[in-house]
Amino acid sequence: MGIEHAPTKQGNESARGLRKAAAAEERKIEAEKGSDLAKGADRFEERSRSSDGKSANEKQQD
């Protein structure tokens, strides 16, 4: 559910705050890392590998 679809004003404000916090966290991590984080499918694969060194496809094979 996006910000514009929140059923209440409080939900709308919460969604907006969460989006701002996530963007700030991403900028902080990118600054520490020295490069942009991967986006989309590349990011999914990067996060999957960081947990145990296996790709999502390798995990499904096991």
PDB file of N, CA and C in Angstrom:
ATOM      1  N   MET A   1       0.855  -1.171   0.000  1.00  0.00           N
ATOM      2  CA  MET A   1       0.000   0.000   0.000  1.00  0.00           C
ATOM      3  C   MET A   1       0.897   1.229   0.000  1.00  0.00           C
ATOM      4  N   GLY A   2       0.673   2.126  -0.924  1.00  0.00           N
ATOM      5  CA  GLY A   2       1.481   3.325  -1.035  1.00  0.00           C
ATOM      6  C   GLY A   2       0.954   4.455  -0.169  1.00  0.00           C
ATOM      7  N   ILE A   3       1.703   5.515  -0.136  1.00  0.00           N
ATOM      8  CA  ILE A   3       1.333   6.678   0.665  1.00  0.00           C
ATOM      9  C   ILE A   3      -0.030   7.205   0.242  1.00  0.00           C
ATOM     10  N   GLU A   4      -0.254   7.294  -1.054  1.00  0.00           N
ATOM     11  CA  GLU A   4      -1.502   7.867  -1.555  1.00  0.00           C
ATOM     12  C   GLU A   4      -2.708   6.956  -1.325  1.00  0.00           C
ATOM     13  N   HIS A   5      -2.488   5.705  -0.945  1.00  0.00           N
ATOM     14  CA  HIS A   5      -3.592   4.760  -0.737  1.00  0.00           C
ATOM     15  C   HIS A   5      -3.917   4.525   0.734  1.00  0.00           C
ATOM     16  N   ALA A   6      -3.186   5.182   1.625  1.00  0.00           N
ATOM     17  CA  ALA A   6      -3.411   4.978   3.056  1.00  0.00           C
ATOM     18  C   ALA A   6      -4.831   5.419   3.408  1.00  0.00           C
ATOM     19  N   PRO A   7      -5.570   4.582   4.144  1.00  0.00           N
ATOM     20  CA  PRO A   7      -6.966   4.888   4.432  1.00  0.00           C
ATOM     21  C   PRO A   7      -7.181   6.025   5.434  1.00  0.00           C
ATOM     22  N   THR A   8      -6.177   6.316   6.252  1.00  0.00           N
ATOM     23  CA  THR A   8      -6.340   7.374   7.257  1.00  0.00           C
ATOM     24  C   THR A   8      -5.196   8.377   7.157  1.00  0.00           C
ATOM     25  N   LYS A   9      -5.391   9.523   7.751  1.00  0.00           N
ATOM     26  CA  LYS A   9      -4.344  10.542   7.767  1.00  0.00           C
ATOM     27  C   LYS A   9      -3.128  10.028   8.539  1.00  0.00           C
ATOM     28  N   GLN A  10      -3.366   9.340   9.634  1.00  0.00           N
ATOM     29  CA  GLN A  10      -2.271   8.794  10.436  1.00  0.00           C
ATOM     30  C   GLN A  10      -1.491   7.749   9.628  1.00  0.00           C
ATOM     31  N   GLY A  11      -2.187   6.916   8.882  1.00  0.00           N
ATOM     32  CA  GLY A  11      -1.526   5.928   8.027  1.00  0.00           C
ATOM     33  C   GLY A  11      -0.701   6.597   6.948  1.00  0.00           C
ATOM     34  N   ASN A  12      -1.232   7.675   6.390  1.00  0.00           N
ATOM     35  CA  ASN A  12      -0.528   8.428   5.364  1.00  0.00           C
ATOM     36  C   ASN A  12       0.761   9.005   5.935  1.00  0.00           C
ATOM     37  N   GLU A  13       0.696   9.597   7.116  1.00  0.00           N
ATOM     38  CA  GLU A  13       1.876  10.177   7.757  1.00  0.00           C
ATOM     39  C   GLU A  13       2.893   9.093   8.119  1.00  0.00           C
ATOM     40  N   SER A  14       2.418   7.948   8.564  1.00  0.00           N
ATOM     41  CA  SER A  14       3.313   6.844   8.911  1.00  0.00           C
ATOM     42  C   SER A  14       4.042   6.331   7.671  1.00  0.00           C
ATOM     43  N   ALA A  15       3.320   6.164   6.581  1.00  0.00           N
ATOM     44  CA  ALA A  15       3.921   5.696   5.335  1.00  0.00           C
ATOM     45  C   ALA A  15       4.958   6.693   4.835  1.00  0.00           C
ATOM     46  N   ARG A  16       4.649   7.962   4.927  1.00  0.00           N
ATOM     47  CA  ARG A  16       5.584   9.002   4.495  1.00  0.00           C
ATOM     48  C   ARG A  16       6.856   8.964   5.352  1.00  0.00           C
ATOM     49  N   GLY A  17       6.690   8.811   6.662  1.00  0.00           N
ATOM     50  CA  GLY A  17       7.838   8.733   7.562  1.00  0.00           C
ATOM     51  C   GLY A  17       8.696   7.506   7.297  1.00  0.00           C
ATOM     52  N   LEU A  18       8.064   6.381   7.036  1.00  0.00           N
ATOM     53  CA  LEU A  18       8.791   5.154   6.742  1.00  0.00           C
ATOM     54  C   LEU A  18       9.593   5.300   5.454  1.00  0.00           C
ATOM     55  N   ARG A  19       8.989   5.904   4.454  1.00  0.00           N
ATOM     56  CA  ARG A  19       9.682   6.100   3.177  1.00  0.00           C
ATOM     57  C   ARG A  19      10.898   7.019   3.364  1.00  0.00           C
ATOM     58  N   LYS A  20      10.742   8.090   4.138  1.00  0.00           N
ATOM     59  CA  LYS A  20      11.850   9.017   4.386  1.00  0.00           C
ATOM     60  C   LYS A  20      12.966   8.318   5.166  1.00  0.00           C
ATOM     61  N   ALA A  21      12.590   7.512   6.157  1.00  0.00           N
ATOM     62  CA  ALA A  21      13.584   6.809   6.962  1.00  0.00           C
ATOM     63  C   ALA A  21      14.353   5.793   6.110  1.00  0.00           C
ATOM     64  N   ALA A  22      13.666   5.085   5.245  1.00  0.00           N
ATOM     65  CA  ALA A  22      14.313   4.108   4.374  1.00  0.00           C
ATOM     66  C   ALA A  22      15.275   4.796   3.406  1.00  0.00           C
ATOM     67  N   ALA A  23      14.864   5.933   2.857  1.00  0.00           N
ATOM     68  CA  ALA A  23      15.729   6.676   1.938  1.00  0.00           C
ATOM     69  C   ALA A  23      16.970   7.189   2.663  1.00  0.00           C
ATOM     70  N   ALA A  24      16.801   7.675   3.877  1.00  0.00           N
ATOM     71  CA  ALA A  24      17.933   8.168   4.658  1.00  0.00           C
ATOM     72  C   ALA A  24      18.899   7.038   4.985  1.00  0.00           C
ATOM     73  N   GLU A  25      18.368   5.890   5.352  1.00  0.00           N
ATOM     74  CA  GLU A  25      19.200   4.733   5.662  1.00  0.00           C
ATOM     75  C   GLU A  25      19.978   4.286   4.422  1.00  0.00           C
ATOM     76  N   GLU A  26      19.319   4.285   3.276  1.00  0.00           N
ATOM     77  CA  GLU A  26      19.985   3.886   2.031  1.00  0.00           C
ATOM     78  C   GLU A  26      21.123   4.861   1.708  1.00  0.00           C
ATOM     79  N   ARG A  27      20.883   6.168   1.855  1.00  0.00           N
ATOM     80  CA  ARG A  27      21.937   7.155   1.596  1.00  0.00           C
ATOM     81  C   ARG A  27      23.113   6.953   2.545  1.00  0.00           C
ATOM     82  N   LYS A  28      22.832   6.661   3.816  1.00  0.00           N
ATOM     83  CA  LYS A  28      23.883   6.440   4.812  1.00  0.00           C
ATOM     84  C   LYS A  28      24.735   5.230   4.439  1.00  0.00           C
ATOM     85  N   ILE A  29      24.095   4.144   4.069  1.00  0.00           N
ATOM     86  CA  ILE A  29      24.820   2.922   3.708  1.00  0.00           C
ATOM     87  C   ILE A  29      25.644   3.136   2.437  1.00  0.00           C
ATOM     88  N   GLU A  30      25.053   3.817   1.457  1.00  0.00           N
ATOM     89  CA  GLU A  30      25.792   4.088   0.224  1.00  0.00           C
ATOM     90  C   GLU A  30      27.014   4.956   0.505  1.00  0.00           C
ATOM     91  N   ALA A  31      26.899   5.927   1.413  1.00  0.00           N
ATOM     92  CA  ALA A  31      28.027   6.786   1.768  1.00  0.00           C
ATOM     93  C   ALA A  31      29.126   5.971   2.457  1.00  0.00           C
ATOM     94  N   GLU A  32      28.747   5.076   3.357  1.00  0.00           N
ATOM     95  CA  GLU A  32      29.720   4.230   4.047  1.00  0.00           C
ATOM     96  C   GLU A  32      30.394   3.266   3.080  1.00  0.00           C
ATOM     97  N   LYS A  33      29.598   2.711   2.164  1.00  0.00           N
ATOM     98  CA  LYS A  33      30.090   1.724   1.206  1.00  0.00           C
ATOM     99  C   LYS A  33      30.950   2.381   0.132  1.00  0.00           C
ATOM    100  N   GLY A  34      30.643   3.625  -0.204  1.00  0.00           N
ATOM    101  CA  GLY A  34      31.392   4.333  -1.229  1.00  0.00           C
ATOM    102  C   GLY A  34      30.848   4.140  -2.630  1.00  0.00           C
ATOM    103  N   SER A  35      29.738   3.433  -2.745  1.00  0.00           N
ATOM    104  CA  SER A  35      29.102   3.245  -4.050  1.00  0.00           C
ATOM    105  C   SER A  35      27.609   3.028  -3.835  1.00  0.00           C
ATOM    106  N   ASP A  36      26.863   3.132  -4.922  1.00  0.00           N
ATOM    107  CA  ASP A  36      25.421   2.932  -4.841  1.00  0.00           C
ATOM    108  C   ASP A  36      25.091   1.476  -4.544  1.00  0.00           C
ATOM    109  N   LEU A  37      23.989   1.269  -3.854  1.00  0.00           N
ATOM    110  CA  LEU A  37      23.484  -0.081  -3.642  1.00  0.00           C
ATOM    111  C   LEU A  37      22.862  -0.586  -4.933  1.00  0.00           C
ATOM    112  N   ALA A  38      22.905  -1.879  -5.125  1.00  0.00           N
ATOM    113  CA  ALA A  38      22.257  -2.479  -6.292  1.00  0.00           C
ATOM    114  C   ALA A  38      20.751  -2.274  -6.168  1.00  0.00           C
ATOM    115  N   LYS A  39      20.067  -2.196  -7.284  1.00  0.00           N
ATOM    116  CA  LYS A  39      18.622  -1.992  -7.293  1.00  0.00           C
ATOM    117  C   LYS A  39      17.925  -3.180  -7.956  1.00  0.00           C
ATOM    118  N   GLY A  40      16.675  -3.404  -7.607  1.00  0.00           N
ATOM    119  CA  GLY A  40      15.846  -4.430  -8.246  1.00  0.00           C
ATOM    120  C   GLY A  40      16.366  -5.837  -8.048  1.00  0.00           C
ATOM    121  N   ALA A  41      16.427  -6.601  -9.136  1.00  0.00           N
ATOM    122  CA  ALA A  41      16.836  -8.007  -9.081  1.00  0.00           C
ATOM    123  C   ALA A  41      18.283  -8.144  -8.604  1.00  0.00           C
ATOM    124  N   ASP A  42      19.137  -7.201  -8.992  1.00  0.00           N
ATOM    125  CA  ASP A  42      20.530  -7.248  -8.550  1.00  0.00           C
ATOM    126  C   ASP A  42      20.624  -7.119  -7.033  1.00  0.00           C
ATOM    127  N   ARG A  43      19.791  -6.261  -6.465  1.00  0.00           N
ATOM    128  CA  ARG A  43      19.795  -6.074  -5.013  1.00  0.00           C
ATOM    129  C   ARG A  43      19.287  -7.334  -4.311  1.00  0.00           C
ATOM    130  N   PHE A  44      18.262  -7.940  -4.870  1.00  0.00           N
ATOM    131  CA  PHE A  44      17.732  -9.183  -4.299  1.00  0.00           C
ATOM    132  C   PHE A  44      18.830 -10.234  -4.256  1.00  0.00           C
ATOM    133  N   GLU A  45      19.553 -10.367  -5.347  1.00  0.00           N
ATOM    134  CA  GLU A  45      20.623 -11.356  -5.434  1.00  0.00           C
ATOM    135  C   GLU A  45      21.749 -11.012  -4.449  1.00  0.00           C
ATOM    136  N   GLU A  46      22.113  -9.741  -4.368  1.00  0.00           N
ATOM    137  CA  GLU A  46      23.169  -9.306  -3.453  1.00  0.00           C
ATOM    138  C   GLU A  46      22.803  -9.625  -2.007  1.00  0.00           C
ATOM    139  N   ARG A  47      21.574  -9.345  -1.623  1.00  0.00           N
ATOM    140  CA  ARG A  47      21.138  -9.598  -0.243  1.00  0.00           C
ATOM    141  C   ARG A  47      21.049 -11.093   0.029  1.00  0.00           C
ATOM    142  N   SER A  48      20.630 -11.867  -0.954  1.00  0.00           N
ATOM    143  CA  SER A  48      20.544 -13.302  -0.779  1.00  0.00           C
ATOM    144  C   SER A  48      21.932 -13.890  -0.542  1.00  0.00           C
ATOM    145  N   ARG A  49      22.887 -13.463  -1.327  1.00  0.00           N
ATOM    146  CA  ARG A  49      24.257 -13.963  -1.180  1.00  0.00           C
ATOM    147  C   ARG A  49      24.884 -13.515   0.133  1.00  0.00           C
ATOM    148  N   SER A  50      24.545 -12.326   0.604  1.00  0.00           N
ATOM    149  CA  SER A  50      25.173 -11.825   1.826  1.00  0.00           C
ATOM    150  C   SER A  50      24.742 -12.628   3.048  1.00  0.00           C
ATOM    151  N   SER A  51      23.606 -13.283   2.981  1.00  0.00           N
ATOM    152  CA  SER A  51      23.138 -14.024   4.151  1.00  0.00           C
ATOM    153  C   SER A  51      23.915 -15.321   4.365  1.00  0.00           C
ATOM    154  N   ASP A  52      24.243 -16.039   3.289  1.00  0.00           N
ATOM    155  CA  ASP A  52      24.973 -17.300   3.472  1.00  0.00           C
ATOM    156  C   ASP A  52      25.860 -17.675   2.288  1.00  0.00           C
ATOM    157  N   GLY A  53      26.052 -16.759   1.369  1.00  0.00           N
ATOM    158  CA  GLY A  53      26.947 -17.020   0.247  1.00  0.00           C
ATOM    159  C   GLY A  53      26.314 -17.763  -0.917  1.00  0.00           C
ATOM    160  N   LYS A  54      25.048 -18.115  -0.803  1.00  0.00           N
ATOM    161  CA  LYS A  54      24.365 -18.823  -1.883  1.00  0.00           C
ATOM    162  C   LYS A  54      23.364 -17.899  -2.554  1.00  0.00           C
ATOM    163  N   SER A  55      23.181 -18.088  -3.858  1.00  0.00           N
ATOM    164  CA  SER A  55      22.169 -17.319  -4.574  1.00  0.00           C
ATOM    165  C   SER A  55      20.793 -17.891  -4.246  1.00  0.00           C
ATOM    166  N   ALA A  56      19.763 -17.148  -4.568  1.00  0.00           N
ATOM    167  CA  ALA A  56      18.399 -17.613  -4.329  1.00  0.00           C
ATOM    168  C   ALA A  56      18.138 -18.910  -5.095  1.00  0.00           C
ATOM    169  N   ASN A  57      18.654 -18.996  -6.309  1.00  0.00           N
ATOM    170  CA  ASN A  57      18.468 -20.200  -7.117  1.00  0.00           C
ATOM    171  C   ASN A  57      19.157 -21.406  -6.477  1.00  0.00           C
ATOM    172  N   GLU A  58      20.365 -21.215  -5.952  1.00  0.00           N
ATOM    173  CA  GLU A  58      21.072 -22.309  -5.280  1.00  0.00           C
ATOM    174  C   GLU A  58      20.315 -22.777  -4.044  1.00  0.00           C
ATOM    175  N   LYS A  59      19.698 -21.850  -3.323  1.00  0.00           N
ATOM    176  CA  LYS A  59      18.934 -22.202  -2.134  1.00  0.00           C
ATOM    177  C   LYS A  59      17.729 -23.052  -2.482  1.00  0.00           C
ATOM    178  N   GLN A  60      17.098 -22.753  -3.618  1.00  0.00           N
ATOM    179  CA  GLN A  60      15.931 -23.530  -4.028  1.00  0.00           C
ATOM    180  C   GLN A  60      16.331 -24.930  -4.478  1.00  0.00           C
ATOM    181  N   GLN A  61      17.524 -25.076  -4.989  1.00  0.00           N
ATOM    182  CA  GLN A  61      18.011 -26.386  -5.465  1.00  0.00           C
ATOM    183  C   GLN A  61      18.254 -27.347  -4.299  1.00  0.00           C
ATOM    184  N   ASP A  62      18.637 -26.786  -3.152  1.00  0.00           N
ATOM    185  CA  ASP A  62      18.987 -27.629  -1.986  1.00  0.00           C
ATOM    186  C   ASP A  62      17.801 -28.283  -1.362  1.00  0.00           C
TER     187      ASP A  62
END
